[in-house]
N, C-alpha and C. Protein backbone atom coordinates (compact mmCIF):
# COMPACT_ATOMS: atom_id res chain seq x y z
N MET A 1 18.54 -24.17 0.96
CA MET A 1 17.83 -23.29 1.86
C MET A 1 18.81 -22.56 2.77
N ALA A 2 18.41 -21.35 3.12
CA ALA A 2 19.24 -20.56 4.00
C ALA A 2 19.14 -21.08 5.42
N THR A 3 20.12 -20.72 6.22
CA THR A 3 20.06 -21.14 7.61
C THR A 3 18.89 -20.46 8.28
N GLY A 4 18.30 -21.13 9.22
CA GLY A 4 17.08 -20.65 9.84
C GLY A 4 17.33 -19.86 11.10
N TYR A 5 16.33 -19.84 11.89
CA TYR A 5 16.36 -19.14 13.17
C TYR A 5 15.70 -20.04 14.19
N ASP A 6 15.94 -19.77 15.43
CA ASP A 6 15.38 -20.60 16.49
C ASP A 6 14.23 -19.88 17.17
N GLY A 7 13.03 -20.18 16.74
CA GLY A 7 11.84 -19.69 17.41
C GLY A 7 11.53 -18.23 17.17
N LEU A 8 10.61 -17.75 17.97
CA LEU A 8 10.10 -16.40 17.83
C LEU A 8 11.17 -15.34 18.03
N LEU A 9 11.95 -15.49 19.07
CA LEU A 9 12.97 -14.47 19.35
C LEU A 9 14.06 -14.44 18.28
N GLY A 10 14.38 -15.57 17.71
CA GLY A 10 15.38 -15.61 16.65
C GLY A 10 14.88 -15.06 15.33
N ALA A 11 13.56 -15.01 15.15
CA ALA A 11 12.99 -14.51 13.90
C ALA A 11 13.23 -13.02 13.72
N PHE A 12 13.28 -12.27 14.82
CA PHE A 12 13.46 -10.83 14.70
C PHE A 12 14.83 -10.46 14.15
N PRO A 13 15.93 -10.95 14.72
CA PRO A 13 17.22 -10.59 14.11
C PRO A 13 17.38 -11.19 12.71
N TYR A 14 16.81 -12.37 12.48
CA TYR A 14 16.91 -12.99 11.17
C TYR A 14 16.18 -12.16 10.12
N ALA A 15 14.96 -11.73 10.43
CA ALA A 15 14.19 -10.91 9.49
C ALA A 15 14.87 -9.57 9.27
N PHE A 16 15.46 -9.01 10.31
CA PHE A 16 16.15 -7.74 10.17
C PHE A 16 17.34 -7.88 9.23
N ARG A 17 18.14 -8.94 9.40
CA ARG A 17 19.31 -9.15 8.53
C ARG A 17 18.92 -9.49 7.10
N ALA A 18 17.89 -10.30 6.93
CA ALA A 18 17.53 -10.79 5.59
C ALA A 18 16.74 -9.78 4.78
N SER A 19 16.13 -8.81 5.43
CA SER A 19 15.27 -7.87 4.73
C SER A 19 16.07 -6.92 3.86
N THR A 20 15.44 -6.49 2.75
CA THR A 20 16.06 -5.51 1.88
C THR A 20 15.39 -4.15 2.00
N SER A 21 14.30 -4.07 2.75
CA SER A 21 13.53 -2.84 2.91
C SER A 21 13.88 -2.16 4.23
N ARG A 22 14.26 -0.90 4.16
CA ARG A 22 14.57 -0.16 5.38
C ARG A 22 13.32 0.05 6.23
N LEU A 23 12.19 0.25 5.57
CA LEU A 23 10.93 0.43 6.30
C LEU A 23 10.59 -0.84 7.09
N PHE A 24 10.80 -1.99 6.48
CA PHE A 24 10.52 -3.24 7.19
C PHE A 24 11.50 -3.44 8.34
N LYS A 25 12.76 -3.09 8.14
CA LYS A 25 13.73 -3.20 9.22
C LYS A 25 13.32 -2.32 10.40
N LEU A 26 12.81 -1.12 10.08
CA LEU A 26 12.33 -0.23 11.14
C LEU A 26 11.14 -0.86 11.86
N TYR A 27 10.25 -1.50 11.09
CA TYR A 27 9.11 -2.18 11.71
C TYR A 27 9.57 -3.30 12.63
N VAL A 28 10.55 -4.07 12.20
CA VAL A 28 11.05 -5.17 13.04
C VAL A 28 11.54 -4.62 14.38
N LEU A 29 12.27 -3.52 14.34
CA LEU A 29 12.76 -2.93 15.59
C LEU A 29 11.62 -2.41 16.46
N ILE A 30 10.74 -1.62 15.88
CA ILE A 30 9.67 -1.01 16.66
C ILE A 30 8.68 -2.06 17.16
N SER A 31 8.32 -3.01 16.30
CA SER A 31 7.37 -4.03 16.74
C SER A 31 7.98 -4.93 17.82
N GLY A 32 9.28 -5.16 17.75
CA GLY A 32 9.93 -5.96 18.80
C GLY A 32 9.84 -5.27 20.15
N VAL A 33 10.11 -3.99 20.16
CA VAL A 33 10.02 -3.22 21.42
C VAL A 33 8.56 -3.14 21.87
N ALA A 34 7.65 -2.84 20.94
CA ALA A 34 6.24 -2.73 21.31
C ALA A 34 5.69 -4.05 21.82
N THR A 35 6.06 -5.14 21.17
CA THR A 35 5.59 -6.46 21.60
C THR A 35 6.13 -6.82 22.98
N ALA A 36 7.38 -6.51 23.23
CA ALA A 36 7.95 -6.78 24.55
C ALA A 36 7.22 -5.96 25.62
N PHE A 37 6.92 -4.70 25.30
CA PHE A 37 6.21 -3.85 26.25
C PHE A 37 4.80 -4.38 26.50
N ILE A 38 4.10 -4.76 25.44
CA ILE A 38 2.74 -5.29 25.57
C ILE A 38 2.76 -6.59 26.37
N ALA A 39 3.71 -7.47 26.08
CA ALA A 39 3.81 -8.74 26.81
C ALA A 39 4.08 -8.48 28.29
N LEU A 40 4.96 -7.55 28.59
CA LEU A 40 5.25 -7.21 29.99
C LEU A 40 4.00 -6.66 30.67
N PHE A 41 3.26 -5.80 29.99
CA PHE A 41 2.03 -5.24 30.53
C PHE A 41 1.01 -6.34 30.84
N ILE A 42 0.86 -7.28 29.92
CA ILE A 42 -0.10 -8.37 30.12
C ILE A 42 0.34 -9.28 31.26
N ILE A 43 1.62 -9.56 31.35
CA ILE A 43 2.13 -10.41 32.43
C ILE A 43 1.91 -9.74 33.79
N VAL A 44 2.21 -8.45 33.87
CA VAL A 44 2.00 -7.73 35.13
C VAL A 44 0.51 -7.70 35.48
N ALA A 45 -0.35 -7.47 34.50
CA ALA A 45 -1.80 -7.46 34.76
C ALA A 45 -2.26 -8.83 35.24
N LEU A 46 -1.74 -9.89 34.66
CA LEU A 46 -2.10 -11.24 35.09
C LEU A 46 -1.61 -11.52 36.50
N VAL A 47 -0.42 -11.08 36.83
CA VAL A 47 0.11 -11.28 38.18
C VAL A 47 -0.74 -10.51 39.19
N VAL A 48 -1.12 -9.29 38.86
CA VAL A 48 -1.98 -8.50 39.75
C VAL A 48 -3.33 -9.19 39.92
N LEU A 49 -3.91 -9.68 38.84
CA LEU A 49 -5.19 -10.38 38.92
C LEU A 49 -5.07 -11.62 39.80
N ILE A 50 -4.03 -12.40 39.62
CA ILE A 50 -3.84 -13.60 40.44
C ILE A 50 -3.63 -13.21 41.90
N GLY A 51 -2.85 -12.15 42.14
CA GLY A 51 -2.62 -11.70 43.51
C GLY A 51 -3.89 -11.24 44.20
N ARG A 52 -4.76 -10.58 43.47
CA ARG A 52 -6.00 -10.09 44.07
C ARG A 52 -7.04 -11.20 44.27
N THR A 53 -6.93 -12.26 43.51
CA THR A 53 -7.94 -13.32 43.57
C THR A 53 -7.39 -14.65 44.04
N ALA A 54 -6.20 -14.68 44.59
CA ALA A 54 -5.56 -15.94 44.97
C ALA A 54 -6.35 -16.69 46.05
N SER A 55 -6.97 -15.97 46.95
CA SER A 55 -7.67 -16.64 48.05
C SER A 55 -9.10 -17.03 47.70
N ILE A 56 -9.58 -16.62 46.55
CA ILE A 56 -10.96 -16.90 46.17
C ILE A 56 -10.99 -18.17 45.32
N GLN A 57 -11.90 -19.06 45.68
CA GLN A 57 -12.07 -20.29 44.92
C GLN A 57 -13.15 -20.07 43.86
N GLY A 58 -13.02 -20.73 42.75
CA GLY A 58 -14.09 -20.65 41.76
C GLY A 58 -13.58 -20.76 40.35
N GLY A 59 -14.43 -21.29 39.50
CA GLY A 59 -14.08 -21.51 38.11
C GLY A 59 -14.08 -20.25 37.27
N SER A 60 -14.92 -19.28 37.64
CA SER A 60 -14.98 -18.07 36.81
C SER A 60 -13.69 -17.27 36.90
N LEU A 61 -13.00 -17.34 38.01
CA LEU A 61 -11.72 -16.64 38.13
C LEU A 61 -10.67 -17.28 37.24
N THR A 62 -10.69 -18.59 37.16
CA THR A 62 -9.77 -19.28 36.26
C THR A 62 -10.05 -18.87 34.83
N LEU A 63 -11.32 -18.72 34.50
CA LEU A 63 -11.69 -18.29 33.16
C LEU A 63 -11.19 -16.88 32.88
N SER A 64 -11.30 -15.98 33.84
CA SER A 64 -10.83 -14.61 33.62
C SER A 64 -9.31 -14.56 33.48
N ARG A 65 -8.61 -15.42 34.20
CA ARG A 65 -7.15 -15.48 34.05
C ARG A 65 -6.78 -15.98 32.66
N ALA A 66 -7.49 -16.99 32.20
CA ALA A 66 -7.24 -17.51 30.85
C ALA A 66 -7.60 -16.46 29.81
N PHE A 67 -8.63 -15.67 30.09
CA PHE A 67 -9.03 -14.62 29.16
C PHE A 67 -7.92 -13.59 28.97
N TYR A 68 -7.21 -13.25 30.03
CA TYR A 68 -6.06 -12.34 29.91
C TYR A 68 -5.04 -12.90 28.93
N VAL A 69 -4.76 -14.19 29.05
CA VAL A 69 -3.76 -14.82 28.18
C VAL A 69 -4.25 -14.81 26.73
N VAL A 70 -5.52 -15.14 26.52
CA VAL A 70 -6.07 -15.17 25.16
C VAL A 70 -6.04 -13.78 24.54
N VAL A 71 -6.47 -12.78 25.27
CA VAL A 71 -6.44 -11.40 24.76
C VAL A 71 -5.00 -10.99 24.47
N GLY A 72 -4.09 -11.35 25.33
CA GLY A 72 -2.68 -11.04 25.09
C GLY A 72 -2.17 -11.65 23.80
N LEU A 73 -2.53 -12.89 23.56
CA LEU A 73 -2.12 -13.54 22.31
C LEU A 73 -2.76 -12.88 21.10
N LEU A 74 -4.02 -12.48 21.23
CA LEU A 74 -4.70 -11.82 20.12
C LEU A 74 -4.12 -10.44 19.82
N ILE A 75 -3.46 -9.85 20.78
CA ILE A 75 -2.79 -8.57 20.56
C ILE A 75 -1.39 -8.79 20.00
N ILE A 76 -0.66 -9.75 20.56
CA ILE A 76 0.73 -9.96 20.19
C ILE A 76 0.88 -10.65 18.83
N LEU A 77 0.04 -11.61 18.54
CA LEU A 77 0.21 -12.37 17.29
C LEU A 77 0.16 -11.49 16.04
N PRO A 78 -0.81 -10.59 15.88
CA PRO A 78 -0.76 -9.73 14.69
C PRO A 78 0.44 -8.78 14.66
N ALA A 79 0.93 -8.42 15.83
CA ALA A 79 2.09 -7.52 15.88
C ALA A 79 3.36 -8.21 15.41
N VAL A 80 3.49 -9.51 15.68
CA VAL A 80 4.69 -10.23 15.25
C VAL A 80 4.51 -10.95 13.93
N ALA A 81 3.29 -11.03 13.43
CA ALA A 81 3.02 -11.77 12.19
C ALA A 81 3.81 -11.26 10.99
N PRO A 82 3.93 -9.94 10.77
CA PRO A 82 4.73 -9.51 9.62
C PRO A 82 6.18 -9.96 9.70
N THR A 83 6.76 -9.88 10.86
CA THR A 83 8.15 -10.30 11.03
C THR A 83 8.28 -11.80 10.79
N LEU A 84 7.38 -12.58 11.36
CA LEU A 84 7.44 -14.02 11.17
C LEU A 84 7.21 -14.41 9.72
N ALA A 85 6.29 -13.75 9.04
CA ALA A 85 5.99 -14.09 7.65
C ALA A 85 7.16 -13.80 6.73
N ILE A 86 7.78 -12.65 6.90
CA ILE A 86 8.92 -12.30 6.04
C ILE A 86 10.13 -13.16 6.38
N ALA A 87 10.36 -13.42 7.65
CA ALA A 87 11.47 -14.29 8.04
C ALA A 87 11.28 -15.68 7.44
N ARG A 88 10.07 -16.17 7.46
CA ARG A 88 9.78 -17.50 6.91
C ARG A 88 10.02 -17.53 5.40
N ARG A 89 9.60 -16.47 4.72
CA ARG A 89 9.83 -16.42 3.27
C ARG A 89 11.32 -16.44 2.96
N HIS A 90 12.10 -15.66 3.68
CA HIS A 90 13.55 -15.63 3.45
C HIS A 90 14.19 -16.97 3.80
N ARG A 91 13.75 -17.57 4.88
CA ARG A 91 14.32 -18.85 5.30
C ARG A 91 14.07 -19.93 4.27
N ARG A 92 12.91 -19.90 3.64
CA ARG A 92 12.57 -20.90 2.63
C ARG A 92 13.14 -20.58 1.25
N GLY A 93 13.81 -19.45 1.14
CA GLY A 93 14.41 -19.08 -0.14
C GLY A 93 13.43 -18.46 -1.11
N LEU A 94 12.24 -18.11 -0.65
CA LEU A 94 11.26 -17.46 -1.51
C LEU A 94 11.59 -15.97 -1.61
N THR A 95 11.25 -15.39 -2.72
CA THR A 95 11.53 -13.97 -2.87
C THR A 95 10.55 -13.16 -2.05
N ALA A 96 11.08 -12.21 -1.34
CA ALA A 96 10.27 -11.25 -0.60
C ALA A 96 10.67 -9.89 -1.13
N SER A 97 9.89 -9.36 -2.04
CA SER A 97 10.24 -8.11 -2.69
C SER A 97 10.19 -6.95 -1.70
N LYS A 98 10.83 -5.86 -2.09
CA LYS A 98 10.78 -4.67 -1.26
C LYS A 98 9.34 -4.17 -1.12
N ARG A 99 8.54 -4.36 -2.18
CA ARG A 99 7.14 -3.95 -2.12
C ARG A 99 6.38 -4.75 -1.07
N LEU A 100 6.59 -6.05 -1.04
CA LEU A 100 5.93 -6.89 -0.04
C LEU A 100 6.37 -6.49 1.35
N GLU A 101 7.66 -6.36 1.55
CA GLU A 101 8.17 -5.99 2.88
C GLU A 101 7.64 -4.63 3.31
N ALA A 102 7.64 -3.66 2.40
CA ALA A 102 7.16 -2.32 2.74
C ALA A 102 5.66 -2.34 3.03
N ALA A 103 4.89 -3.07 2.22
CA ALA A 103 3.44 -3.13 2.43
C ALA A 103 3.10 -3.78 3.76
N VAL A 104 3.80 -4.86 4.08
CA VAL A 104 3.54 -5.54 5.35
C VAL A 104 3.97 -4.67 6.52
N ALA A 105 5.06 -3.92 6.35
CA ALA A 105 5.51 -3.01 7.41
C ALA A 105 4.49 -1.90 7.64
N VAL A 106 3.98 -1.31 6.56
CA VAL A 106 2.97 -0.25 6.71
C VAL A 106 1.73 -0.79 7.40
N ALA A 107 1.29 -1.98 6.99
CA ALA A 107 0.12 -2.60 7.63
C ALA A 107 0.42 -2.91 9.10
N GLY A 108 1.64 -3.35 9.39
CA GLY A 108 2.02 -3.62 10.78
C GLY A 108 2.01 -2.36 11.63
N PHE A 109 2.54 -1.27 11.07
CA PHE A 109 2.48 0.00 11.79
C PHE A 109 1.02 0.41 11.99
N GLY A 110 0.20 0.18 10.97
CA GLY A 110 -1.22 0.48 11.09
C GLY A 110 -1.88 -0.31 12.21
N PHE A 111 -1.48 -1.58 12.36
CA PHE A 111 -2.02 -2.38 13.45
C PHE A 111 -1.61 -1.81 14.80
N LEU A 112 -0.36 -1.43 14.95
CA LEU A 112 0.10 -0.87 16.22
C LEU A 112 -0.67 0.41 16.55
N VAL A 113 -0.93 1.24 15.54
CA VAL A 113 -1.72 2.45 15.76
C VAL A 113 -3.16 2.08 16.10
N SER A 114 -3.68 1.03 15.44
CA SER A 114 -5.07 0.62 15.71
C SER A 114 -5.25 0.11 17.14
N LEU A 115 -4.19 -0.42 17.74
CA LEU A 115 -4.28 -0.82 19.15
C LEU A 115 -4.56 0.40 20.02
N TYR A 116 -3.84 1.48 19.77
CA TYR A 116 -4.06 2.71 20.52
C TYR A 116 -5.46 3.27 20.25
N LEU A 117 -5.86 3.27 18.99
CA LEU A 117 -7.18 3.78 18.64
C LEU A 117 -8.28 2.92 19.28
N GLY A 118 -8.05 1.63 19.39
CA GLY A 118 -9.00 0.75 20.07
C GLY A 118 -9.13 1.08 21.54
N VAL A 119 -8.01 1.44 22.16
CA VAL A 119 -8.05 1.86 23.57
C VAL A 119 -8.85 3.15 23.71
N VAL A 120 -8.64 4.09 22.79
CA VAL A 120 -9.41 5.34 22.82
C VAL A 120 -10.90 5.04 22.65
N ALA A 121 -11.24 4.15 21.72
CA ALA A 121 -12.64 3.81 21.48
C ALA A 121 -13.26 3.11 22.68
N SER A 122 -12.47 2.41 23.46
CA SER A 122 -13.02 1.66 24.60
C SER A 122 -13.15 2.50 25.86
N MET A 123 -12.73 3.75 25.82
CA MET A 123 -12.80 4.59 27.01
C MET A 123 -14.24 5.02 27.28
N PRO A 124 -14.78 4.67 28.45
CA PRO A 124 -16.16 5.09 28.75
C PRO A 124 -16.24 6.59 28.98
N ALA A 125 -17.45 7.14 28.86
CA ALA A 125 -17.65 8.58 29.04
C ALA A 125 -17.27 9.02 30.45
N THR A 126 -17.60 8.21 31.44
CA THR A 126 -17.18 8.47 32.82
C THR A 126 -16.75 7.14 33.44
N PHE A 127 -15.77 7.21 34.30
CA PHE A 127 -15.29 6.01 34.98
C PHE A 127 -14.73 6.40 36.33
N SER A 128 -14.58 5.41 37.19
CA SER A 128 -14.09 5.65 38.54
C SER A 128 -12.62 5.27 38.61
N LEU A 129 -11.81 6.18 39.15
CA LEU A 129 -10.38 5.95 39.30
C LEU A 129 -9.99 6.40 40.70
N ASP A 130 -9.58 5.46 41.53
CA ASP A 130 -9.22 5.75 42.92
C ASP A 130 -10.37 6.47 43.65
N ASP A 131 -11.57 5.90 43.53
CA ASP A 131 -12.77 6.44 44.16
C ASP A 131 -13.10 7.86 43.73
N GLU A 132 -12.69 8.22 42.55
CA GLU A 132 -12.98 9.54 42.01
C GLU A 132 -13.57 9.35 40.61
N THR A 133 -14.66 10.03 40.32
CA THR A 133 -15.28 9.92 39.01
C THR A 133 -14.53 10.81 38.03
N VAL A 134 -14.11 10.21 36.93
CA VAL A 134 -13.33 10.90 35.92
C VAL A 134 -14.14 10.90 34.63
N THR A 135 -14.12 12.02 33.95
CA THR A 135 -14.77 12.14 32.65
C THR A 135 -13.70 12.14 31.57
N ARG A 136 -13.94 11.38 30.49
CA ARG A 136 -12.95 11.35 29.42
C ARG A 136 -12.86 12.73 28.79
N PRO A 137 -11.70 13.03 28.23
CA PRO A 137 -11.54 14.35 27.62
C PRO A 137 -12.45 14.51 26.40
N PRO A 138 -12.86 15.72 26.12
CA PRO A 138 -13.72 15.91 24.95
C PRO A 138 -12.95 15.66 23.65
N ALA A 139 -13.69 15.44 22.58
CA ALA A 139 -13.08 15.17 21.27
C ALA A 139 -12.66 16.48 20.63
N THR A 140 -11.64 17.10 21.20
CA THR A 140 -11.12 18.34 20.63
C THR A 140 -9.64 18.15 20.35
N GLY A 141 -9.07 19.11 19.74
CA GLY A 141 -7.65 19.04 19.41
C GLY A 141 -7.43 19.71 18.09
N THR A 142 -6.37 19.31 17.43
CA THR A 142 -6.11 19.90 16.12
C THR A 142 -7.21 19.49 15.17
N GLY A 143 -7.48 20.30 14.20
CA GLY A 143 -8.62 20.14 13.31
C GLY A 143 -8.77 18.79 12.66
N GLU A 144 -7.69 18.18 12.20
CA GLU A 144 -7.82 16.93 11.47
C GLU A 144 -8.05 15.72 12.37
N PHE A 145 -7.72 15.79 13.64
CA PHE A 145 -7.89 14.64 14.53
C PHE A 145 -9.20 14.68 15.32
N GLU A 146 -9.82 15.83 15.39
CA GLU A 146 -11.07 15.94 16.14
C GLU A 146 -12.16 15.02 15.59
N PRO A 147 -12.39 14.94 14.28
CA PRO A 147 -13.41 14.01 13.78
C PRO A 147 -13.04 12.54 14.04
N LEU A 148 -11.76 12.22 13.99
CA LEU A 148 -11.32 10.85 14.27
C LEU A 148 -11.63 10.47 15.71
N VAL A 149 -11.29 11.35 16.64
CA VAL A 149 -11.54 11.07 18.06
C VAL A 149 -13.04 11.02 18.32
N ALA A 150 -13.81 11.91 17.71
CA ALA A 150 -15.27 11.88 17.88
C ALA A 150 -15.84 10.58 17.32
N GLY A 151 -15.31 10.14 16.20
CA GLY A 151 -15.77 8.87 15.62
C GLY A 151 -15.43 7.68 16.51
N LEU A 152 -14.25 7.71 17.11
CA LEU A 152 -13.86 6.62 18.02
C LEU A 152 -14.73 6.62 19.27
N TYR A 153 -15.05 7.81 19.78
CA TYR A 153 -15.93 7.90 20.95
C TYR A 153 -17.34 7.41 20.62
N ALA A 154 -17.74 7.53 19.35
CA ALA A 154 -19.09 7.13 18.95
C ALA A 154 -19.23 5.60 18.87
N ILE A 155 -18.12 4.88 18.78
CA ILE A 155 -18.18 3.43 18.72
C ILE A 155 -18.61 2.90 20.10
N PRO A 156 -19.62 2.05 20.14
CA PRO A 156 -20.00 1.47 21.44
C PRO A 156 -18.81 0.70 22.04
N ILE A 157 -18.66 0.80 23.34
CA ILE A 157 -17.53 0.18 24.02
C ILE A 157 -17.45 -1.31 23.72
N GLU A 158 -18.60 -1.96 23.59
CA GLU A 158 -18.62 -3.40 23.33
C GLU A 158 -18.01 -3.76 21.98
N PHE A 159 -17.93 -2.78 21.07
CA PHE A 159 -17.39 -3.04 19.74
C PHE A 159 -16.05 -2.36 19.49
N SER A 160 -15.39 -1.89 20.53
CA SER A 160 -14.10 -1.23 20.36
C SER A 160 -13.02 -2.19 19.88
N TRP A 161 -13.21 -3.48 20.07
CA TRP A 161 -12.25 -4.48 19.62
C TRP A 161 -12.21 -4.58 18.10
N VAL A 162 -13.21 -4.02 17.43
CA VAL A 162 -13.25 -4.07 15.97
C VAL A 162 -12.12 -3.23 15.37
N VAL A 163 -11.73 -2.17 16.04
CA VAL A 163 -10.68 -1.29 15.51
C VAL A 163 -9.36 -2.05 15.33
N PRO A 164 -8.83 -2.75 16.35
CA PRO A 164 -7.62 -3.53 16.12
C PRO A 164 -7.84 -4.72 15.18
N LEU A 165 -9.06 -5.24 15.15
CA LEU A 165 -9.35 -6.34 14.23
C LEU A 165 -9.20 -5.88 12.78
N ILE A 166 -9.64 -4.68 12.49
CA ILE A 166 -9.46 -4.13 11.14
C ILE A 166 -7.97 -3.96 10.85
N GLY A 167 -7.20 -3.50 11.84
CA GLY A 167 -5.75 -3.37 11.66
C GLY A 167 -5.10 -4.71 11.37
N ALA A 168 -5.52 -5.75 12.08
CA ALA A 168 -4.96 -7.09 11.84
C ALA A 168 -5.36 -7.60 10.47
N GLY A 169 -6.58 -7.30 10.06
CA GLY A 169 -7.03 -7.69 8.73
C GLY A 169 -6.23 -7.02 7.63
N CYS A 170 -5.81 -5.79 7.88
CA CYS A 170 -4.98 -5.08 6.90
C CYS A 170 -3.62 -5.76 6.72
N ILE A 171 -3.08 -6.33 7.79
CA ILE A 171 -1.81 -7.06 7.68
C ILE A 171 -1.99 -8.26 6.76
N ALA A 172 -3.05 -9.03 7.01
CA ALA A 172 -3.30 -10.21 6.17
C ALA A 172 -3.56 -9.79 4.73
N GLY A 173 -4.32 -8.73 4.55
CA GLY A 173 -4.60 -8.25 3.20
C GLY A 173 -3.36 -7.80 2.46
N ALA A 174 -2.49 -7.07 3.15
CA ALA A 174 -1.24 -6.61 2.52
C ALA A 174 -0.36 -7.78 2.13
N TYR A 175 -0.28 -8.76 3.01
CA TYR A 175 0.57 -9.93 2.70
C TYR A 175 0.01 -10.69 1.50
N LEU A 176 -1.28 -10.92 1.48
CA LEU A 176 -1.88 -11.67 0.38
C LEU A 176 -1.85 -10.88 -0.93
N LEU A 177 -1.99 -9.58 -0.87
CA LEU A 177 -2.02 -8.76 -2.07
C LEU A 177 -0.65 -8.62 -2.73
N PHE A 178 0.40 -8.51 -1.91
CA PHE A 178 1.73 -8.21 -2.46
C PHE A 178 2.67 -9.40 -2.53
N ARG A 179 2.25 -10.58 -2.11
CA ARG A 179 3.18 -11.70 -2.13
C ARG A 179 3.33 -12.19 -3.50
């Protein structure tokens, strides 16, 4: 067996070195940066939540703090899953073809895009920002993206989480299909 890596952070350089696909290497770099940014965003949001609710007693606040952590894990885990899966295959000496690496990378990029699309889908028609009512921008733009944005706006806010879920499912599907 090949030498391994130490934990999550060690998997990124290991997968980058062991990979034979340039597309997958690009995914390792971009997903590493995106995951670090997302983790930082979640940590800052959790610190702000704790700071705003530190003086309030109650179990529901503890639940909302834990919810931030759970949502953060549900966002980060699919983003790092392709890197971890390919690193594990290489570490165990299993073949990871260029097709598998490329397919998992494309699905991983799709998941990162689906996170943004999920945010667009979750935007309410009107919301309050600094005591000012703001209306979301209309679904206009270049011809090919207008129907996509209109479709995302049509998704009920309560189901906007389905968009990244589909992206995560594509990662699992690509890995199972091409392994």
